[in-house]
Amino acid sequence: MGMKKEIKRRHAPYTKLKAYLNEIGMTQAELAKLLNKSRYALNQNLNGTGGDFSLSEVRLICMTLGISADEFFIEPQVSKTKQDAS
């Protein structure tokens, strides 16, 4: 009976963005407010279980946080430190 419930993801979770928010001390509630959406909807975007971020949302996040869309949204699984280490 101890089977883990399979999580259906529509896209890869944005673990790098979540870690960055944590690093700078920004809560998901604050990001949700910036994007004018509910915390629940934002959480689904971040975890890949709901819809993806729109292009305008990605732009707003990147401009506000001063981050690169390539790094956090296009190829979030490739970290800069891993690339530099090789």
C-alpha atoms as a PDB file:
ATOM      1  CA  MET A   1       0.000   0.000   0.000  1.00  0.00           C
ATOM      2  CA  GLY A   2       3.004   2.305   0.331  1.00  0.00           C
ATOM      3  CA  MET A   3       2.958   3.269  -3.347  1.00  0.00           C
ATOM      4  CA  LYS A   4       3.928   6.858  -3.999  1.00  0.00           C
ATOM      5  CA  LYS A   5       1.351   8.792  -5.955  1.00  0.00           C
ATOM      6  CA  GLU A   6       2.684   9.566  -9.410  1.00  0.00           C
ATOM      7  CA  ILE A   7       2.810  13.316  -9.965  1.00  0.00           C
ATOM      8  CA  LYS A   8       1.699  14.266 -13.439  1.00  0.00           C
ATOM      9  CA  ARG A   9       3.926  17.062 -14.683  1.00  0.00           C
ATOM     10  CA  ARG A  10       3.279  19.094 -17.786  1.00  0.00           C
ATOM     11  CA  HIS A  11       6.811  20.482 -17.856  1.00  0.00           C
ATOM     12  CA  ALA A  12       9.979  20.193 -15.799  1.00  0.00           C
ATOM     13  CA  PRO A  13       9.789  21.900 -12.412  1.00  0.00           C
ATOM     14  CA  TYR A  14      11.702  25.151 -12.037  1.00  0.00           C
ATOM     15  CA  THR A  15      13.877  23.968  -9.157  1.00  0.00           C
ATOM     16  CA  LYS A  16      16.604  26.480  -9.978  1.00  0.00           C
ATOM     17  CA  LEU A  17      14.163  29.397  -9.831  1.00  0.00           C
ATOM     18  CA  LYS A  18      12.692  28.086  -6.556  1.00  0.00           C
ATOM     19  CA  ALA A  19      16.202  27.799  -5.083  1.00  0.00           C
ATOM     20  CA  TYR A  20      17.030  31.328  -6.266  1.00  0.00           C
ATOM     21  CA  LEU A  21      13.867  32.770  -4.699  1.00  0.00           C
ATOM     22  CA  ASN A  22      14.862  31.074  -1.461  1.00  0.00           C
ATOM     23  CA  GLU A  23      18.389  32.473  -1.771  1.00  0.00           C
ATOM     24  CA  ILE A  24      17.222  36.073  -2.176  1.00  0.00           C
ATOM     25  CA  GLY A  25      14.490  35.691   0.446  1.00  0.00           C
ATOM     26  CA  MET A  26      11.537  36.216  -1.905  1.00  0.00           C
ATOM     27  CA  THR A  27       8.463  34.175  -1.050  1.00  0.00           C
ATOM     28  CA  GLN A  28       6.202  32.482  -3.580  1.00  0.00           C
ATOM     29  CA  ALA A  29       3.434  34.733  -2.248  1.00  0.00           C
ATOM     30  CA  GLU A  30       5.463  37.827  -3.214  1.00  0.00           C
ATOM     31  CA  LEU A  31       6.186  36.441  -6.682  1.00  0.00           C
ATOM     32  CA  ALA A  32       2.519  35.513  -7.132  1.00  0.00           C
ATOM     33  CA  LYS A  33       1.548  39.086  -6.212  1.00  0.00           C
ATOM     34  CA  LEU A  34       4.050  40.473  -8.742  1.00  0.00           C
ATOM     35  CA  LEU A  35       2.496  38.275 -11.449  1.00  0.00           C
ATOM     36  CA  ASN A  36      -1.039  39.041 -10.256  1.00  0.00           C
ATOM     37  CA  LYS A  37      -1.943  35.377  -9.756  1.00  0.00           C
ATOM     38  CA  SER A  38      -2.785  33.128  -6.835  1.00  0.00           C
ATOM     39  CA  ARG A  39      -0.070  31.364  -4.844  1.00  0.00           C
ATOM     40  CA  TYR A  40      -1.690  28.089  -5.894  1.00  0.00           C
ATOM     41  CA  ALA A  41      -1.395  28.924  -9.623  1.00  0.00           C
ATOM     42  CA  LEU A  42       2.212  30.076  -9.163  1.00  0.00           C
ATOM     43  CA  ASN A  43       3.070  26.907  -7.244  1.00  0.00           C
ATOM     44  CA  GLN A  44       1.705  24.808 -10.114  1.00  0.00           C
ATOM     45  CA  ASN A  45       3.808  26.824 -12.607  1.00  0.00           C
ATOM     46  CA  LEU A  46       6.938  26.318 -10.499  1.00  0.00           C
ATOM     47  CA  ASN A  47       6.361  22.600  -9.927  1.00  0.00           C
ATOM     48  CA  GLY A  48       5.376  21.807 -13.506  1.00  0.00           C
ATOM     49  CA  THR A  49       1.985  20.417 -12.476  1.00  0.00           C
ATOM     50  CA  GLY A  50      -0.073  23.240 -13.990  1.00  0.00           C
ATOM     51  CA  GLY A  51       0.344  25.501 -16.959  1.00  0.00           C
ATOM     52  CA  ASP A  52       3.685  27.035 -17.815  1.00  0.00           C
ATOM     53  CA  PHE A  53       4.608  30.679 -17.339  1.00  0.00           C
ATOM     54  CA  SER A  54       3.577  32.989 -20.170  1.00  0.00           C
ATOM     55  CA  LEU A  55       6.261  34.877 -22.066  1.00  0.00           C
ATOM     56  CA  SER A  56       5.209  38.153 -20.434  1.00  0.00           C
ATOM     57  CA  GLU A  57       5.457  36.523 -16.983  1.00  0.00           C
ATOM     58  CA  VAL A  58       8.952  35.220 -17.768  1.00  0.00           C
ATOM     59  CA  ARG A  59       9.967  38.725 -18.917  1.00  0.00           C
ATOM     60  CA  LEU A  60       8.561  40.314 -15.757  1.00  0.00           C
ATOM     61  CA  ILE A  61      10.284  37.774 -13.489  1.00  0.00           C
ATOM     62  CA  CYS A  62      13.621  38.208 -15.287  1.00  0.00           C
ATOM     63  CA  MET A  63      13.445  42.015 -15.291  1.00  0.00           C
ATOM     64  CA  THR A  64      12.378  42.215 -11.632  1.00  0.00           C
ATOM     65  CA  LEU A  65      14.905  39.691 -10.337  1.00  0.00           C
ATOM     66  CA  GLY A  66      17.667  40.605 -12.792  1.00  0.00           C
ATOM     67  CA  ILE A  67      18.053  37.021 -13.999  1.00  0.00           C
ATOM     68  CA  SER A  68      18.482  35.368 -17.393  1.00  0.00           C
ATOM     69  CA  ALA A  69      15.558  33.621 -19.073  1.00  0.00           C
ATOM     70  CA  ASP A  70      18.016  31.231 -20.754  1.00  0.00           C
ATOM     71  CA  GLU A  71      19.467  30.181 -17.431  1.00  0.00           C
ATOM     72  CA  PHE A  72      16.283  29.879 -15.382  1.00  0.00           C
ATOM     73  CA  PHE A  73      13.605  28.954 -17.953  1.00  0.00           C
ATOM     74  CA  ILE A  74      15.114  27.589 -21.172  1.00  0.00           C
ATOM     75  CA  GLU A  75      17.810  25.310 -19.704  1.00  0.00           C
ATOM     76  CA  PRO A  76      17.193  25.312 -15.945  1.00  0.00           C
ATOM     77  CA  GLN A  77      18.829  21.914 -15.495  1.00  0.00           C
ATOM     78  CA  VAL A  78      22.251  23.174 -16.623  1.00  0.00           C
ATOM     79  CA  SER A  79      23.753  25.264 -13.867  1.00  0.00           C
ATOM     80  CA  LYS A  80      26.470  27.796 -14.573  1.00  0.00           C
ATOM     81  CA  THR A  81      28.714  26.246 -11.900  1.00  0.00           C
ATOM     82  CA  LYS A  82      28.538  22.853 -13.603  1.00  0.00           C
ATOM     83  CA  GLN A  83      29.454  24.412 -16.951  1.00  0.00           C
ATOM     84  CA  ASP A  84      32.355  26.359 -15.460  1.00  0.00           C
ATOM     85  CA  ALA A  85      33.684  23.302 -13.603  1.00  0.00           C
ATOM     86  CA  SER A  86      34.327  21.283 -16.753  1.00  0.00           C
END
